[in-house]
Structure formats: C-alpha cells, structure tokens
Amino acid sequence: MPIKSYLAHPHEGKKSELVQALTSISSCEVIPAENNDLLIVITETTNNTEDNILKEKIEAIESLKLLAMVSGFDTPIK
C-alpha cells in the first residue's frame, strides 16, 4: 500500500483552484500551508499501478506548477 507525501506548488493565483482539484480526488488529502502559496498532499493507494495512475492524474492538473515528493513508503498488504 503506497503512501506518499508531496509539496504542490500552484501557478500564481491558482491555489484555491488547485485545492479544489486535488480534494476532488478520493485518494488525496490536502493541507494548505497558512504562510505560503503551497499545499501538502498525502496520497494512499492500494498498489503501485494505482499509485502511478494517481500521480499522472495529479500532474495533469492545469493549476499545478510543481509537484515534489517529500516522502514515500510501501507497506505490504497481509
């Protein structure tokens, strides 16, 4: 079960648009930074294939300027 955290940088003036787009994705949790134009995004998927599809979906959002992975791990399902 891949769980990853990212820093998402929106295009200028597009933070709320990016928050809305990311929160509409069920595998994402979004935490907006209070003092910067930055979002913390946590993703959780069931397998690597689903994780890759999710990352591509996030990267296709037009209001997203940069997505940087901070941390990631994969816990085996027992």
C-alpha atoms as a PDB file:
ATOM      1  CA  MET A   1       0.000   0.000   0.000  1.00  0.00           C
ATOM      2  CA  PRO A   2       1.962   3.057  -1.235  1.00  0.00           C
ATOM      3  CA  ILE A   3       1.598   6.162   0.925  1.00  0.00           C
ATOM      4  CA  LYS A   4       3.343   9.317  -0.280  1.00  0.00           C
ATOM      5  CA  SER A   5       3.557  12.962   0.662  1.00  0.00           C
ATOM      6  CA  TYR A   6       4.161  15.788  -1.777  1.00  0.00           C
ATOM      7  CA  LEU A   7       4.589  19.549  -1.805  1.00  0.00           C
ATOM      8  CA  ALA A   8       2.370  21.005  -4.504  1.00  0.00           C
ATOM      9  CA  HIS A   9       3.131  24.486  -5.832  1.00  0.00           C
ATOM     10  CA  PRO A  10       0.272  26.159  -7.722  1.00  0.00           C
ATOM     11  CA  HIS A  11       0.614  28.640 -10.548  1.00  0.00           C
ATOM     12  CA  GLU A  12       0.345  32.201  -9.244  1.00  0.00           C
ATOM     13  CA  GLY A  13      -3.188  32.991  -8.114  1.00  0.00           C
ATOM     14  CA  LYS A  14      -4.357  29.386  -8.606  1.00  0.00           C
ATOM     15  CA  LYS A  15      -4.027  27.975  -5.071  1.00  0.00           C
ATOM     16  CA  SER A  16      -7.766  27.641  -4.394  1.00  0.00           C
ATOM     17  CA  GLU A  17      -8.296  26.115  -7.839  1.00  0.00           C
ATOM     18  CA  LEU A  18      -5.567  23.541  -7.107  1.00  0.00           C
ATOM     19  CA  VAL A  19      -7.036  22.765  -3.673  1.00  0.00           C
ATOM     20  CA  GLN A  20     -10.414  22.120  -5.266  1.00  0.00           C
ATOM     21  CA  ALA A  21      -8.954  19.874  -7.987  1.00  0.00           C
ATOM     22  CA  LEU A  22      -6.896  17.819  -5.532  1.00  0.00           C
ATOM     23  CA  THR A  23      -9.663  17.403  -2.955  1.00  0.00           C
ATOM     24  CA  SER A  24     -11.934  16.013  -5.673  1.00  0.00           C
ATOM     25  CA  ILE A  25      -9.551  13.034  -5.974  1.00  0.00           C
ATOM     26  CA  SER A  26     -10.565  10.403  -3.408  1.00  0.00           C
ATOM     27  CA  SER A  27      -7.026   9.084  -2.775  1.00  0.00           C
ATOM     28  CA  CYS A  28      -5.682  12.530  -1.820  1.00  0.00           C
ATOM     29  CA  GLU A  29      -5.697  14.500   1.407  1.00  0.00           C
ATOM     30  CA  VAL A  30      -4.777  18.177   1.023  1.00  0.00           C
ATOM     31  CA  ILE A  31      -3.417  20.506   3.703  1.00  0.00           C
ATOM     32  CA  PRO A  32      -2.912  24.130   2.594  1.00  0.00           C
ATOM     33  CA  ALA A  33       0.059  25.970   4.113  1.00  0.00           C
ATOM     34  CA  GLU A  34      -1.013  29.049   6.045  1.00  0.00           C
ATOM     35  CA  ASN A  35       2.010  31.215   5.312  1.00  0.00           C
ATOM     36  CA  ASN A  36       2.985  30.190   1.752  1.00  0.00           C
ATOM     37  CA  ASP A  37       1.375  29.521  -1.590  1.00  0.00           C
ATOM     38  CA  LEU A  38       1.938  25.816  -1.063  1.00  0.00           C
ATOM     39  CA  LEU A  39      -0.065  22.636  -0.445  1.00  0.00           C
ATOM     40  CA  ILE A  40       0.846  19.434   1.344  1.00  0.00           C
ATOM     41  CA  VAL A  41      -0.671  16.444  -0.437  1.00  0.00           C
ATOM     42  CA  ILE A  42      -0.875  12.960   1.089  1.00  0.00           C
ATOM     43  CA  THR A  43      -1.798  10.061  -1.191  1.00  0.00           C
ATOM     44  CA  GLU A  44      -2.717   6.482  -0.357  1.00  0.00           C
ATOM     45  CA  THR A  45      -3.290   3.796  -2.965  1.00  0.00           C
ATOM     46  CA  THR A  46      -3.642   0.026  -2.923  1.00  0.00           C
ATOM     47  CA  ASN A  47      -0.805  -0.829  -5.342  1.00  0.00           C
ATOM     48  CA  ASN A  48       1.985   0.651  -7.474  1.00  0.00           C
ATOM     49  CA  THR A  49      -0.105   0.692 -10.650  1.00  0.00           C
ATOM     50  CA  GLU A  50      -2.848   2.715  -8.961  1.00  0.00           C
ATOM     51  CA  ASP A  51      -0.158   4.988  -7.476  1.00  0.00           C
ATOM     52  CA  ASN A  52       1.338   5.707 -10.912  1.00  0.00           C
ATOM     53  CA  ILE A  53      -2.088   6.476 -12.380  1.00  0.00           C
ATOM     54  CA  LEU A  54      -2.834   8.820  -9.466  1.00  0.00           C
ATOM     55  CA  LYS A  55       0.480  10.677  -9.894  1.00  0.00           C
ATOM     56  CA  GLU A  56      -0.206  11.169 -13.614  1.00  0.00           C
ATOM     57  CA  LYS A  57      -3.692  12.448 -12.798  1.00  0.00           C
ATOM     58  CA  ILE A  58      -2.276  14.960 -10.287  1.00  0.00           C
ATOM     59  CA  GLU A  59       0.455  16.120 -12.676  1.00  0.00           C
ATOM     60  CA  ALA A  60      -2.188  16.779 -15.372  1.00  0.00           C
ATOM     61  CA  ILE A  61      -3.957  19.424 -13.251  1.00  0.00           C
ATOM     62  CA  GLU A  62      -3.532  22.762 -15.054  1.00  0.00           C
ATOM     63  CA  SER A  63      -3.259  24.876 -11.882  1.00  0.00           C
ATOM     64  CA  LEU A  64      -0.288  22.781 -10.679  1.00  0.00           C
ATOM     65  CA  LYS A  65       3.117  24.349 -11.315  1.00  0.00           C
ATOM     66  CA  LEU A  66       5.373  21.854  -9.494  1.00  0.00           C
ATOM     67  CA  LEU A  67       4.902  18.609  -7.577  1.00  0.00           C
ATOM     68  CA  ALA A  68       7.766  17.467  -5.337  1.00  0.00           C
ATOM     69  CA  MET A  69       7.653  14.171  -3.448  1.00  0.00           C
ATOM     70  CA  VAL A  70       8.831  14.562   0.146  1.00  0.00           C
ATOM     71  CA  SER A  71       8.384  11.047   1.454  1.00  0.00           C
ATOM     72  CA  GLY A  72       7.035   7.718   0.360  1.00  0.00           C
ATOM     73  CA  PHE A  73       6.796   4.152   1.566  1.00  0.00           C
ATOM     74  CA  ASP A  74       5.044   0.966   0.619  1.00  0.00           C
ATOM     75  CA  THR A  75       3.583  -1.333   3.263  1.00  0.00           C
ATOM     76  CA  PRO A  76       2.839  -4.863   2.120  1.00  0.00           C
ATOM     77  CA  ILE A  77      -0.773  -5.988   2.418  1.00  0.00           C
ATOM     78  CA  LYS A  78      -1.031  -9.127   4.549  1.00  0.00           C
END
